[in-house]
Amino acid sequence: MANIKSAKKRILVSKTKADRNKAIKSSVKTYVKKVYAAIDAGDPEEAKAALLKATSVIDKAKSKGIFHKNTASRKIGRLNIAVNKMSAEGETAEE
């Protein structure tokens, strides 16, 4: 354990920030799972709604500096592709 007051404070601050980052990353994972669950269930409306929420959460995490901008874009892009692919398959199945 540190003896200097400022070093003690840095330990506390870094732990607080790490906990916050962990919580936000966890919520991003949860929303991403909801998108994939809707895709697996075959519900395009629910998938689009979940995609909208997941995109919002990922963008907020990016703006807070938790995700790099390219990482956030990659995650959003993959979700968009998955939802669009599901929608395209659903349209061909109905015809």
PDB file of N, CA and C in Angstrom:
ATOM      1  N   MET A   1       0.853  -1.195   0.000  1.00  0.00           N
ATOM      2  CA  MET A   1       0.000   0.000   0.000  1.00  0.00           C
ATOM      3  C   MET A   1       0.884   1.238   0.000  1.00  0.00           C
ATOM      4  N   ALA A   2       0.411   2.248  -0.711  1.00  0.00           N
ATOM      5  CA  ALA A   2       1.166   3.493  -0.812  1.00  0.00           C
ATOM      6  C   ALA A   2       1.147   4.251   0.508  1.00  0.00           C
ATOM      7  N   ASN A   3       2.199   5.014   0.740  1.00  0.00           N
ATOM      8  CA  ASN A   3       2.282   5.835   1.952  1.00  0.00           C
ATOM      9  C   ASN A   3       1.953   7.302   1.678  1.00  0.00           C
ATOM     10  N   ILE A   4       2.155   7.744   0.465  1.00  0.00           N
ATOM     11  CA  ILE A   4       1.955   9.138   0.112  1.00  0.00           C
ATOM     12  C   ILE A   4       0.463   9.380  -0.163  1.00  0.00           C
ATOM     13  N   LYS A   5      -0.011  10.513   0.340  1.00  0.00           N
ATOM     14  CA  LYS A   5      -1.433  10.818   0.250  1.00  0.00           C
ATOM     15  C   LYS A   5      -1.935  10.831  -1.194  1.00  0.00           C
ATOM     16  N   SER A   6      -1.197  11.460  -2.076  1.00  0.00           N
ATOM     17  CA  SER A   6      -1.637  11.547  -3.469  1.00  0.00           C
ATOM     18  C   SER A   6      -1.650  10.169  -4.131  1.00  0.00           C
ATOM     19  N   ALA A   7      -0.713   9.305  -3.753  1.00  0.00           N
ATOM     20  CA  ALA A   7      -0.682   7.953  -4.317  1.00  0.00           C
ATOM     21  C   ALA A   7      -1.877   7.145  -3.816  1.00  0.00           C
ATOM     22  N   LYS A   8      -2.251   7.340  -2.554  1.00  0.00           N
ATOM     23  CA  LYS A   8      -3.441   6.671  -2.013  1.00  0.00           C
ATOM     24  C   LYS A   8      -4.690   7.109  -2.770  1.00  0.00           C
ATOM     25  N   LYS A   9      -4.769   8.419  -3.038  1.00  0.00           N
ATOM     26  CA  LYS A   9      -5.913   8.939  -3.766  1.00  0.00           C
ATOM     27  C   LYS A   9      -5.963   8.364  -5.181  1.00  0.00           C
ATOM     28  N   ARG A  10      -4.815   8.277  -5.857  1.00  0.00           N
ATOM     29  CA  ARG A  10      -4.771   7.734  -7.222  1.00  0.00           C
ATOM     30  C   ARG A  10      -5.281   6.292  -7.232  1.00  0.00           C
ATOM     31  N   ILE A  11      -4.933   5.525  -6.201  1.00  0.00           N
ATOM     32  CA  ILE A  11      -5.399   4.139  -6.113  1.00  0.00           C
ATOM     33  C   ILE A  11      -6.920   4.102  -6.038  1.00  0.00           C
ATOM     34  N   LEU A  12      -7.488   4.956  -5.198  1.00  0.00           N
ATOM     35  CA  LEU A  12      -8.944   5.004  -5.050  1.00  0.00           C
ATOM     36  C   LEU A  12      -9.626   5.459  -6.343  1.00  0.00           C
ATOM     37  N   VAL A  13      -9.067   6.496  -6.959  1.00  0.00           N
ATOM     38  CA  VAL A  13      -9.663   7.042  -8.175  1.00  0.00           C
ATOM     39  C   VAL A  13      -9.600   6.013  -9.301  1.00  0.00           C
ATOM     40  N   SER A  14      -8.456   5.346  -9.432  1.00  0.00           N
ATOM     41  CA  SER A  14      -8.330   4.369 -10.521  1.00  0.00           C
ATOM     42  C   SER A  14      -9.258   3.182 -10.301  1.00  0.00           C
ATOM     43  N   LYS A  15      -9.469   2.790  -9.045  1.00  0.00           N
ATOM     44  CA  LYS A  15     -10.403   1.699  -8.762  1.00  0.00           C
ATOM     45  C   LYS A  15     -11.831   2.111  -9.105  1.00  0.00           C
ATOM     46  N   THR A  16     -12.201   3.329  -8.763  1.00  0.00           N
ATOM     47  CA  THR A  16     -13.534   3.840  -9.074  1.00  0.00           C
ATOM     48  C   THR A  16     -13.763   3.860 -10.582  1.00  0.00           C
ATOM     49  N   LYS A  17     -12.768   4.356 -11.319  1.00  0.00           N
ATOM     50  CA  LYS A  17     -12.901   4.425 -12.778  1.00  0.00           C
ATOM     51  C   LYS A  17     -12.941   3.034 -13.387  1.00  0.00           C
ATOM     52  N   ALA A  18     -12.145   2.120 -12.868  1.00  0.00           N
ATOM     53  CA  ALA A  18     -12.130   0.749 -13.390  1.00  0.00           C
ATOM     54  C   ALA A  18     -13.484   0.086 -13.170  1.00  0.00           C
ATOM     55  N   ASP A  19     -14.078   0.313 -12.006  1.00  0.00           N
ATOM     56  CA  ASP A  19     -15.404  -0.255 -11.716  1.00  0.00           C
ATOM     57  C   ASP A  19     -16.463   0.316 -12.661  1.00  0.00           C
ATOM     58  N   ARG A  20     -16.372   1.604 -12.913  1.00  0.00           N
ATOM     59  CA  ARG A  20     -17.319   2.258 -13.824  1.00  0.00           C
ATOM     60  C   ARG A  20     -17.167   1.710 -15.239  1.00  0.00           C
ATOM     61  N   ASN A  21     -15.920   1.595 -15.688  1.00  0.00           N
ATOM     62  CA  ASN A  21     -15.664   1.060 -17.029  1.00  0.00           C
ATOM     63  C   ASN A  21     -16.170  -0.369 -17.154  1.00  0.00           C
ATOM     64  N   LYS A  22     -15.954  -1.158 -16.102  1.00  0.00           N
ATOM     65  CA  LYS A  22     -16.392  -2.556 -16.117  1.00  0.00           C
ATOM     66  C   LYS A  22     -17.911  -2.644 -16.210  1.00  0.00           C
ATOM     67  N   ALA A  23     -18.605  -1.778 -15.467  1.00  0.00           N
ATOM     68  CA  ALA A  23     -20.071  -1.782 -15.482  1.00  0.00           C
ATOM     69  C   ALA A  23     -20.601  -1.396 -16.863  1.00  0.00           C
ATOM     70  N   ILE A  24     -19.999  -0.403 -17.483  1.00  0.00           N
ATOM     71  CA  ILE A  24     -20.462   0.039 -18.799  1.00  0.00           C
ATOM     72  C   ILE A  24     -20.168  -1.025 -19.849  1.00  0.00           C
ATOM     73  N   LYS A  25     -18.987  -1.647 -19.799  1.00  0.00           N
ATOM     74  CA  LYS A  25     -18.662  -2.714 -20.742  1.00  0.00           C
ATOM     75  C   LYS A  25     -19.633  -3.884 -20.585  1.00  0.00           C
ATOM     76  N   SER A  26     -19.998  -4.174 -19.344  1.00  0.00           N
ATOM     77  CA  SER A  26     -20.931  -5.257 -19.076  1.00  0.00           C
ATOM     78  C   SER A  26     -22.302  -4.946 -19.669  1.00  0.00           C
ATOM     79  N   SER A  27     -22.752  -3.702 -19.531  1.00  0.00           N
ATOM     80  CA  SER A  27     -24.056  -3.346 -20.079  1.00  0.00           C
ATOM     81  C   SER A  27     -24.034  -3.394 -21.604  1.00  0.00           C
ATOM     82  N   VAL A  28     -22.906  -3.023 -22.213  1.00  0.00           N
ATOM     83  CA  VAL A  28     -22.786  -3.121 -23.669  1.00  0.00           C
ATOM     84  C   VAL A  28     -22.930  -4.582 -24.091  1.00  0.00           C
ATOM     85  N   LYS A  29     -22.256  -5.477 -23.390  1.00  0.00           N
ATOM     86  CA  LYS A  29     -22.353  -6.906 -23.695  1.00  0.00           C
ATOM     87  C   LYS A  29     -23.793  -7.396 -23.569  1.00  0.00           C
ATOM     88  N   THR A  30     -24.501  -6.926 -22.550  1.00  0.00           N
ATOM     89  CA  THR A  30     -25.884  -7.326 -22.334  1.00  0.00           C
ATOM     90  C   THR A  30     -26.760  -6.899 -23.511  1.00  0.00           C
ATOM     91  N   TYR A  31     -26.615  -5.650 -23.958  1.00  0.00           N
ATOM     92  CA  TYR A  31     -27.429  -5.167 -25.063  1.00  0.00           C
ATOM     93  C   TYR A  31     -27.085  -5.878 -26.370  1.00  0.00           C
ATOM     94  N   VAL A  32     -25.811  -6.201 -26.570  1.00  0.00           N
ATOM     95  CA  VAL A  32     -25.405  -6.947 -27.764  1.00  0.00           C
ATOM     96  C   VAL A  32     -26.033  -8.344 -27.739  1.00  0.00           C
ATOM     97  N   LYS A  33     -26.048  -8.969 -26.566  1.00  0.00           N
ATOM     98  CA  LYS A  33     -26.664 -10.293 -26.436  1.00  0.00           C
ATOM     99  C   LYS A  33     -28.156 -10.230 -26.745  1.00  0.00           C
ATOM    100  N   LYS A  34     -28.807  -9.126 -26.344  1.00  0.00           N
ATOM    101  CA  LYS A  34     -30.241  -8.975 -26.623  1.00  0.00           C
ATOM    102  C   LYS A  34     -30.500  -8.901 -28.126  1.00  0.00           C
ATOM    103  N   VAL A  35     -29.606  -8.253 -28.859  1.00  0.00           N
ATOM    104  CA  VAL A  35     -29.756  -8.178 -30.310  1.00  0.00           C
ATOM    105  C   VAL A  35     -29.647  -9.571 -30.909  1.00  0.00           C
ATOM    106  N   TYR A  36     -28.617 -10.305 -30.516  1.00  0.00           N
ATOM    107  CA  TYR A  36     -28.421 -11.649 -31.064  1.00  0.00           C
ATOM    108  C   TYR A  36     -29.534 -12.606 -30.628  1.00  0.00           C
ATOM    109  N   ALA A  37     -30.070 -12.412 -29.428  1.00  0.00           N
ATOM    110  CA  ALA A  37     -31.188 -13.247 -28.974  1.00  0.00           C
ATOM    111  C   ALA A  37     -32.423 -12.998 -29.842  1.00  0.00           C
ATOM    112  N   ALA A  38     -32.665 -11.744 -30.180  1.00  0.00           N
ATOM    113  CA  ALA A  38     -33.805 -11.412 -31.044  1.00  0.00           C
ATOM    114  C   ALA A  38     -33.599 -11.986 -32.443  1.00  0.00           C
ATOM    115  N   ILE A  39     -32.364 -11.967 -32.919  1.00  0.00           N
ATOM    116  CA  ILE A  39     -32.069 -12.539 -34.238  1.00  0.00           C
ATOM    117  C   ILE A  39     -32.319 -14.045 -34.213  1.00  0.00           C
ATOM    118  N   ASP A  40     -31.851 -14.705 -33.162  1.00  0.00           N
ATOM    119  CA  ASP A  40     -32.052 -16.151 -33.041  1.00  0.00           C
ATOM    120  C   ASP A  40     -33.535 -16.502 -32.933  1.00  0.00           C
ATOM    121  N   ALA A  41     -34.295 -15.630 -32.282  1.00  0.00           N
ATOM    122  CA  ALA A  41     -35.733 -15.867 -32.133  1.00  0.00           C
ATOM    123  C   ALA A  41     -36.473 -15.606 -33.451  1.00  0.00           C
ATOM    124  N   GLY A  42     -35.815 -14.898 -34.370  1.00  0.00           N
ATOM    125  CA  GLY A  42     -36.427 -14.631 -35.668  1.00  0.00           C
ATOM    126  C   GLY A  42     -37.426 -13.490 -35.646  1.00  0.00           C
ATOM    127  N   ASP A  43     -37.244 -12.556 -34.727  1.00  0.00           N
ATOM    128  CA  ASP A  43     -38.160 -11.421 -34.599  1.00  0.00           C
ATOM    129  C   ASP A  43     -37.476 -10.145 -35.113  1.00  0.00           C
ATOM    130  N   PRO A  44     -37.738  -9.752 -36.360  1.00  0.00           N
ATOM    131  CA  PRO A  44     -37.029  -8.599 -36.921  1.00  0.00           C
ATOM    132  C   PRO A  44     -37.346  -7.276 -36.229  1.00  0.00           C
ATOM    133  N   GLU A  45     -38.579  -7.091 -35.776  1.00  0.00           N
ATOM    134  CA  GLU A  45     -38.942  -5.833 -35.108  1.00  0.00           C
ATOM    135  C   GLU A  45     -38.200  -5.692 -33.778  1.00  0.00           C
ATOM    136  N   GLU A  46     -38.176  -6.773 -33.021  1.00  0.00           N
ATOM    137  CA  GLU A  46     -37.471  -6.752 -31.735  1.00  0.00           C
ATOM    138  C   GLU A  46     -35.968  -6.579 -31.960  1.00  0.00           C
ATOM    139  N   ALA A  47     -35.445  -7.200 -33.003  1.00  0.00           N
ATOM    140  CA  ALA A  47     -34.013  -7.090 -33.308  1.00  0.00           C
ATOM    141  C   ALA A  47     -33.652  -5.648 -33.654  1.00  0.00           C
ATOM    142  N   LYS A  48     -34.509  -4.983 -34.429  1.00  0.00           N
ATOM    143  CA  LYS A  48     -34.234  -3.591 -34.796  1.00  0.00           C
ATOM    144  C   LYS A  48     -34.297  -2.671 -33.582  1.00  0.00           C
ATOM    145  N   ALA A  49     -35.259  -2.924 -32.696  1.00  0.00           N
ATOM    146  CA  ALA A  49     -35.368  -2.113 -31.476  1.00  0.00           C
ATOM    147  C   ALA A  49     -34.153  -2.333 -30.579  1.00  0.00           C
ATOM    148  N   ALA A  50     -33.737  -3.587 -30.453  1.00  0.00           N
ATOM    149  CA  ALA A  50     -32.565  -3.914 -29.633  1.00  0.00           C
ATOM    150  C   ALA A  50     -31.304  -3.325 -30.247  1.00  0.00           C
ATOM    151  N   LEU A  51     -31.236  -3.321 -31.574  1.00  0.00           N
ATOM    152  CA  LEU A  51     -30.086  -2.746 -32.286  1.00  0.00           C
ATOM    153  C   LEU A  51     -29.989  -1.253 -32.012  1.00  0.00           C
ATOM    154  N   LEU A  52     -31.111  -0.569 -32.037  1.00  0.00           N
ATOM    155  CA  LEU A  52     -31.133   0.865 -31.778  1.00  0.00           C
ATOM    156  C   LEU A  52     -30.607   1.169 -30.376  1.00  0.00           C
ATOM    157  N   LYS A  53     -31.066   0.400 -29.387  1.00  0.00           N
ATOM    158  CA  LYS A  53     -30.621   0.611 -28.009  1.00  0.00           C
ATOM    159  C   LYS A  53     -29.142   0.263 -27.855  1.00  0.00           C
ATOM    160  N   ALA A  54     -28.718  -0.847 -28.461  1.00  0.00           N
ATOM    161  CA  ALA A  54     -27.315  -1.264 -28.366  1.00  0.00           C
ATOM    162  C   ALA A  54     -26.393  -0.231 -29.009  1.00  0.00           C
ATOM    163  N   THR A  55     -26.824   0.304 -30.142  1.00  0.00           N
ATOM    164  CA  THR A  55     -26.028   1.327 -30.822  1.00  0.00           C
ATOM    165  C   THR A  55     -25.864   2.555 -29.936  1.00  0.00           C
ATOM    166  N   SER A  56     -26.933   2.940 -29.289  1.00  0.00           N
ATOM    167  CA  SER A  56     -26.891   4.094 -28.392  1.00  0.00           C
ATOM    168  C   SER A  56     -25.928   3.863 -27.233  1.00  0.00           C
ATOM    169  N   VAL A  57     -25.996   2.679 -26.637  1.00  0.00           N
ATOM    170  CA  VAL A  57     -25.147   2.363 -25.491  1.00  0.00           C
ATOM    171  C   VAL A  57     -23.674   2.304 -25.917  1.00  0.00           C
ATOM    172  N   ILE A  58     -23.404   1.730 -27.079  1.00  0.00           N
ATOM    173  CA  ILE A  58     -22.023   1.640 -27.569  1.00  0.00           C
ATOM    174  C   ILE A  58     -21.480   3.031 -27.872  1.00  0.00           C
ATOM    175  N   ASP A  59     -22.300   3.892 -28.484  1.00  0.00           N
ATOM    176  CA  ASP A  59     -21.857   5.262 -28.776  1.00  0.00           C
ATOM    177  C   ASP A  59     -21.560   6.043 -27.499  1.00  0.00           C
ATOM    178  N   LYS A  60     -22.378   5.834 -26.478  1.00  0.00           N
ATOM    179  CA  LYS A  60     -22.123   6.518 -25.205  1.00  0.00           C
ATOM    180  C   LYS A  60     -20.817   6.032 -24.585  1.00  0.00           C
ATOM    181  N   ALA A  61     -20.579   4.726 -24.674  1.00  0.00           N
ATOM    182  CA  ALA A  61     -19.329   4.179 -24.135  1.00  0.00           C
ATOM    183  C   ALA A  61     -18.134   4.741 -24.909  1.00  0.00           C
ATOM    184  N   LYS A  62     -18.310   4.918 -26.208  1.00  0.00           N
ATOM    185  CA  LYS A  62     -17.238   5.497 -27.031  1.00  0.00           C
ATOM    186  C   LYS A  62     -16.970   6.935 -26.608  1.00  0.00           C
ATOM    187  N   SER A  63     -18.031   7.697 -26.382  1.00  0.00           N
ATOM    188  CA  SER A  63     -17.860   9.105 -26.028  1.00  0.00           C
ATOM    189  C   SER A  63     -17.228   9.273 -24.646  1.00  0.00           C
ATOM    190  N   LYS A  64     -17.418   8.282 -23.780  1.00  0.00           N
ATOM    191  CA  LYS A  64     -16.807   8.335 -22.449  1.00  0.00           C
ATOM    192  C   LYS A  64     -15.368   7.846 -22.462  1.00  0.00           C
ATOM    193  N   GLY A  65     -14.920   7.320 -23.617  1.00  0.00           N
ATOM    194  CA  GLY A  65     -13.540   6.858 -23.725  1.00  0.00           C
ATOM    195  C   GLY A  65     -13.341   5.419 -23.290  1.00  0.00           C
ATOM    196  N   ILE A  66     -14.416   4.680 -23.141  1.00  0.00           N
ATOM    197  CA  ILE A  66     -14.308   3.293 -22.695  1.00  0.00           C
ATOM    198  C   ILE A  66     -13.964   2.387 -23.867  1.00  0.00           C
ATOM    199  N   PHE A  67     -14.512   2.712 -25.046  1.00  0.00           N
ATOM    200  CA  PHE A  67     -14.176   1.992 -26.268  1.00  0.00           C
ATOM    201  C   PHE A  67     -13.470   2.953 -27.218  1.00  0.00           C
ATOM    202  N   HIS A  68     -12.501   2.442 -27.955  1.00  0.00           N
ATOM    203  CA  HIS A  68     -11.875   3.200 -29.029  1.00  0.00           C
ATOM    204  C   HIS A  68     -12.913   3.369 -30.127  1.00  0.00           C
ATOM    205  N   LYS A  69     -12.804   4.449 -30.883  1.00  0.00           N
ATOM    206  CA  LYS A  69     -13.828   4.730 -31.903  1.00  0.00           C
ATOM    207  C   LYS A  69     -13.925   3.618 -32.940  1.00  0.00           C
ATOM    208  N   ASN A  70     -12.802   3.015 -33.305  1.00  0.00           N
ATOM    209  CA  ASN A  70     -12.845   1.932 -34.293  1.00  0.00           C
ATOM    210  C   ASN A  70     -13.496   0.681 -33.721  1.00  0.00           C
ATOM    211  N   THR A  71     -13.256   0.411 -32.458  1.00  0.00           N
ATOM    212  CA  THR A  71     -13.878  -0.742 -31.802  1.00  0.00           C
ATOM    213  C   THR A  71     -15.388  -0.570 -31.767  1.00  0.00           C
ATOM    214  N   ALA A  72     -15.822   0.624 -31.401  1.00  0.00           N
ATOM    215  CA  ALA A  72     -17.262   0.900 -31.349  1.00  0.00           C
ATOM    216  C   ALA A  72     -17.875   0.766 -32.736  1.00  0.00           C
ATOM    217  N   SER A  73     -17.205   1.303 -33.746  1.00  0.00           N
ATOM    218  CA  SER A  73     -17.720   1.210 -35.116  1.00  0.00           C
ATOM    219  C   SER A  73     -17.793  -0.237 -35.574  1.00  0.00           C
ATOM    220  N   ARG A  74     -16.789  -1.027 -35.219  1.00  0.00           N
ATOM    221  CA  ARG A  74     -16.782  -2.442 -35.598  1.00  0.00           C
ATOM    222  C   ARG A  74     -17.947  -3.186 -34.953  1.00  0.00           C
ATOM    223  N   LYS A  75     -18.178  -2.938 -33.672  1.00  0.00           N
ATOM    224  CA  LYS A  75     -19.277  -3.602 -32.970  1.00  0.00           C
ATOM    225  C   LYS A  75     -20.624  -3.231 -33.591  1.00  0.00           C
ATOM    226  N   ILE A  76     -20.820  -1.949 -33.850  1.00  0.00           N
ATOM    227  CA  ILE A  76     -22.068  -1.479 -34.422  1.00  0.00           C
ATOM    228  C   ILE A  76     -22.245  -2.043 -35.836  1.00  0.00           C
ATOM    229  N   GLY A  77     -21.172  -2.040 -36.601  1.00  0.00           N
ATOM    230  CA  GLY A  77     -21.232  -2.565 -37.962  1.00  0.00           C
ATOM    231  C   GLY A  77     -21.607  -4.033 -37.999  1.00  0.00           C
ATOM    232  N   ARG A  78     -21.037  -4.820 -37.119  1.00  0.00           N
ATOM    233  CA  ARG A  78     -21.342  -6.248 -37.084  1.00  0.00           C
ATOM    234  C   ARG A  78     -22.794  -6.494 -36.684  1.00  0.00           C
ATOM    235  N   LEU A  79     -23.286  -5.699 -35.735  1.00  0.00           N
ATOM    236  CA  LEU A  79     -24.685  -5.836 -35.336  1.00  0.00           C
ATOM    237  C   LEU A  79     -25.614  -5.461 -36.495  1.00  0.00           C
ATOM    238  N   ASN A  80     -25.280  -4.355 -37.188  1.00  0.00           N
ATOM    239  CA  ASN A  80     -26.088  -3.930 -38.335  1.00  0.00           C
ATOM    240  C   ASN A  80     -26.130  -5.007 -39.408  1.00  0.00           C
ATOM    241  N   ILE A  81     -24.976  -5.584 -39.700  1.00  0.00           N
ATOM    242  CA  ILE A  81     -24.912  -6.634 -40.720  1.00  0.00           C
ATOM    243  C   ILE A  81     -25.787  -7.817 -40.310  1.00  0.00           C
ATOM    244  N   ALA A  82     -25.702  -8.215 -39.047  1.00  0.00           N
ATOM    245  CA  ALA A  82     -26.474  -9.366 -38.576  1.00  0.00           C
ATOM    246  C   ALA A  82     -27.973  -9.104 -38.677  1.00  0.00           C
ATOM    247  N   VAL A  83     -28.404  -7.906 -38.276  1.00  0.00           N
ATOM    248  CA  VAL A  83     -29.837  -7.578 -38.318  1.00  0.00           C
ATOM    249  C   VAL A  83     -30.310  -7.461 -39.764  1.00  0.00           C
ATOM    250  N   ASN A  84     -29.511  -6.811 -40.618  1.00  0.00           N
ATOM    251  CA  ASN A  84     -29.901  -6.666 -42.030  1.00  0.00           C
ATOM    252  C   ASN A  84     -29.951  -8.019 -42.726  1.00  0.00           C
ATOM    253  N   LYS A  85     -29.018  -8.886 -42.395  1.00  0.00           N
ATOM    254  CA  LYS A  85     -28.988 -10.224 -42.988  1.00  0.00           C
ATOM    255  C   LYS A  85     -30.256 -10.993 -42.588  1.00  0.00           C
ATOM    256  N   MET A  86     -30.625 -10.855 -41.317  1.00  0.00           N
ATOM    257  CA  MET A  86     -31.831 -11.530 -40.835  1.00  0.00           C
ATOM    258  C   MET A  86     -33.071 -10.979 -41.541  1.00  0.00           C
ATOM    259  N   SER A  87     -33.126  -9.671 -41.704  1.00  0.00           N
ATOM    260  CA  SER A  87     -34.273  -9.041 -42.370  1.00  0.00           C
ATOM    261  C   SER A  87     -34.354  -9.490 -43.826  1.00  0.00           C
ATOM    262  N   ALA A  88     -33.213  -9.583 -44.488  1.00  0.00           N
ATOM    263  CA  ALA A  88     -33.192 -10.001 -45.891  1.00  0.00           C
ATOM    264  C   ALA A  88     -33.644 -11.459 -46.021  1.00  0.00           C
ATOM    265  N   GLU A  89     -33.224 -12.306 -45.104  1.00  0.00           N
ATOM    266  CA  GLU A  89     -33.635 -13.700 -45.122  1.00  0.00           C
ATOM    267  C   GLU A  89     -35.125 -13.829 -44.853  1.00  0.00           C
ATOM    268  N   GLY A  90     -35.633 -12.996 -43.963  1.00  0.00           N
ATOM    269  CA  GLY A  90     -37.059 -13.026 -43.648  1.00  0.00           C
ATOM    270  C   GLY A  90     -37.917 -12.625 -44.829  1.00  0.00           C
ATOM    271  N   GLU A  91     -37.435 -11.643 -45.614  1.00  0.00           N
ATOM    272  CA  GLU A  91     -38.193 -11.193 -46.780  1.00  0.00           C
ATOM    273  C   GLU A  91     -38.225 -12.284 -47.859  1.00  0.00           C
ATOM    274  N   THR A  92     -37.111 -12.977 -48.067  1.00  0.00           N
ATOM    275  CA  THR A  92     -37.081 -14.021 -49.099  1.00  0.00           C
ATOM    276  C   THR A  92     -37.913 -15.230 -48.680  1.00  0.00           C
ATOM    277  N   ALA A  93     -37.998 -15.491 -47.392  1.00  0.00           N
ATOM    278  CA  ALA A  93     -38.771 -16.624 -46.908  1.00  0.00           C
ATOM    279  C   ALA A  93     -40.284 -16.370 -47.086  1.00  0.00           C
ATOM    280  N   GLU A  94     -40.691 -15.093 -46.965  1.00  0.00           N
ATOM    281  CA  GLU A  94     -42.106 -14.753 -47.078  1.00  0.00           C
ATOM    282  C   GLU A  94     -42.594 -14.816 -48.520  1.00  0.00           C
ATOM    283  N   GLU A  95     -41.698 -14.597 -49.474  1.00  0.00           N
ATOM    284  CA  GLU A  95     -42.097 -14.544 -50.889  1.00  0.00           C
ATOM    285  C   GLU A  95     -42.406 -15.878 -51.460  1.00  0.00           C
TER     286      GLU A  95
END
